[in-house]
Amino acid sequence: MSLKVNVEDQFARFSEAWSPKIIADLDNYHIKLTRLVGDFPWHAHGNADEMFFILDGQLRVDFRDHSEDLGPGEMIVIPKGVEHRPVANNGEVKVLLIEQASVVNTGDGPKSEYTKAAERLL
């Protein structure tokens, strides 16, 4: 069975930042939506790549040796094991994430107040 999802309708269902919401499954991956405000701790995902697709707002992703700036319609794939830090520039950023179902948002490091299990919206 196919699944049609209106992304804006799903964003309207939550307001908290840094709290990913699962909107679909794709094989062994989750398609997630999240709102980003401010900056997130440095972290890495040792066994999984991570994809950010920017829907609204401006996101900077810091790496130890450079930064990448992203706007609406742009995406970035962060290879497994690469330490990074997402930073929302100028307010809120709406992001669609594609990650392996086992990925924890704060990566392989210690748990913190940012560590959140993704909740399922659909």
Protein backbone atom coordinates (compact mmCIF):
# COMPACT_ATOMS: atom_id res chain seq x y z
CA MET A 1 0.00 0.00 0.00
CA SER A 2 1.32 3.46 -0.84
CA LEU A 3 1.50 6.25 1.70
CA LYS A 4 0.81 9.86 0.76
CA VAL A 5 2.06 12.40 3.30
CA ASN A 6 1.54 16.15 3.42
CA VAL A 7 4.72 17.41 5.06
CA GLU A 8 3.28 20.78 6.16
CA ASP A 9 0.29 19.04 7.79
CA GLN A 10 2.74 16.87 9.76
CA PHE A 11 4.81 19.89 10.84
CA ALA A 12 1.60 21.47 12.15
CA ARG A 13 1.28 18.56 14.61
CA PHE A 14 4.36 19.49 16.68
CA SER A 15 6.33 22.57 17.72
CA GLU A 16 9.28 21.35 19.80
CA ALA A 17 12.78 21.68 18.39
CA TRP A 18 15.39 18.92 18.06
CA SER A 19 12.70 16.26 18.46
CA PRO A 20 12.55 14.13 15.29
CA LYS A 21 9.20 12.72 14.17
CA ILE A 22 8.90 9.65 11.95
CA ILE A 23 6.52 10.15 9.03
CA ALA A 24 7.39 7.09 6.92
CA ASP A 25 9.50 3.95 6.68
CA LEU A 26 11.68 3.12 3.69
CA ASP A 27 13.17 -0.36 3.93
CA ASN A 28 15.41 -0.13 7.01
CA TYR A 29 15.28 3.69 7.09
CA HIS A 30 13.09 6.29 8.75
CA ILE A 31 11.92 9.43 7.01
CA LYS A 32 11.75 12.08 9.74
CA LEU A 33 10.76 15.70 10.17
CA THR A 34 12.34 17.96 12.72
CA ARG A 35 12.47 21.60 13.70
CA LEU A 36 15.88 23.03 14.56
CA VAL A 37 16.52 26.13 16.68
CA GLY A 38 19.97 27.21 17.87
CA ASP A 39 22.84 24.77 17.80
CA PHE A 40 23.14 21.06 18.52
CA PRO A 41 26.06 19.33 20.27
CA TRP A 42 28.99 17.93 18.30
CA HIS A 43 28.43 14.26 17.49
CA ALA A 44 29.03 11.48 14.96
CA HIS A 45 27.12 8.40 13.82
CA GLY A 46 29.74 5.65 13.59
CA ASN A 47 27.71 3.15 11.60
CA ALA A 48 25.31 5.24 9.51
CA ASP A 49 25.20 8.07 7.01
CA GLU A 50 22.74 10.89 7.69
CA MET A 51 20.85 13.04 5.16
CA PHE A 52 19.45 16.51 5.86
CA PHE A 53 17.06 18.09 3.31
CA ILE A 54 16.25 21.71 4.15
CA LEU A 55 12.59 22.62 3.67
CA ASP A 56 12.60 26.07 5.28
CA GLY A 57 15.19 28.29 6.96
CA GLN A 58 18.98 28.41 6.92
CA LEU A 59 21.14 25.64 8.36
CA ARG A 60 24.89 25.63 8.88
CA VAL A 61 26.57 22.29 9.44
CA ASP A 62 29.93 22.64 11.16
CA PHE A 63 32.63 20.07 10.60
CA ARG A 64 35.97 20.09 12.39
CA ASP A 65 37.71 21.54 9.31
CA HIS A 66 34.96 23.58 7.57
CA SER A 67 31.27 24.54 7.54
CA GLU A 68 28.52 24.14 4.94
CA ASP A 69 25.59 26.58 4.65
CA LEU A 70 22.28 25.21 3.38
CA GLY A 71 18.97 26.79 2.45
CA PRO A 72 15.57 25.59 1.25
CA GLY A 73 15.79 22.93 -1.44
CA GLU A 74 19.36 21.96 -0.53
CA MET A 75 20.56 18.77 1.10
CA ILE A 76 23.68 17.32 2.59
CA VAL A 77 24.73 13.75 3.28
CA ILE A 78 27.02 13.37 6.26
CA PRO A 79 29.09 10.19 5.98
CA LYS A 80 29.21 7.76 8.87
CA GLY A 81 31.82 8.56 11.47
CA VAL A 82 32.16 12.25 10.52
CA GLU A 83 31.84 14.57 13.51
CA HIS A 84 29.43 17.43 12.89
CA ARG A 85 27.23 20.04 14.53
CA PRO A 86 24.01 21.40 12.98
CA VAL A 87 23.34 25.08 13.70
CA ALA A 88 20.06 26.81 12.84
CA ASN A 89 20.86 30.28 11.53
CA ASN A 90 18.37 33.12 12.06
CA GLY A 91 15.52 31.25 13.74
CA GLU A 92 13.83 27.97 13.03
CA VAL A 93 14.81 25.50 10.32
CA LYS A 94 12.47 22.77 9.06
CA VAL A 95 14.32 19.64 7.97
CA LEU A 96 13.47 16.29 6.43
CA LEU A 97 15.92 13.60 7.57
CA ILE A 98 16.59 10.16 6.10
CA GLU A 99 18.38 7.89 8.55
CA GLN A 100 18.74 4.22 9.33
CA ALA A 101 16.03 3.16 11.76
CA SER A 102 18.66 2.48 14.46
CA VAL A 103 20.16 6.00 14.43
CA VAL A 104 20.07 8.00 17.67
CA ASN A 105 19.93 11.76 17.08
CA THR A 106 22.94 12.52 19.31
CA GLY A 107 25.07 9.84 17.67
CA ASP A 108 27.46 7.49 19.40
CA GLY A 109 28.45 9.82 22.23
CA PRO A 110 26.99 10.13 25.70
CA LYS A 111 23.30 10.83 26.08
CA SER A 112 22.29 14.41 26.88
CA GLU A 113 19.18 16.56 27.19
CA TYR A 114 19.18 16.61 23.36
CA THR A 115 18.92 12.82 23.08
CA LYS A 116 15.41 11.99 21.93
CA ALA A 117 13.89 8.84 20.55
CA ALA A 118 12.04 9.65 17.35
CA GLU A 119 8.29 9.61 17.83
CA ARG A 120 6.06 8.23 15.11
CA LEU A 121 3.51 10.68 13.68
CA LEU A 122 2.12 8.22 11.12
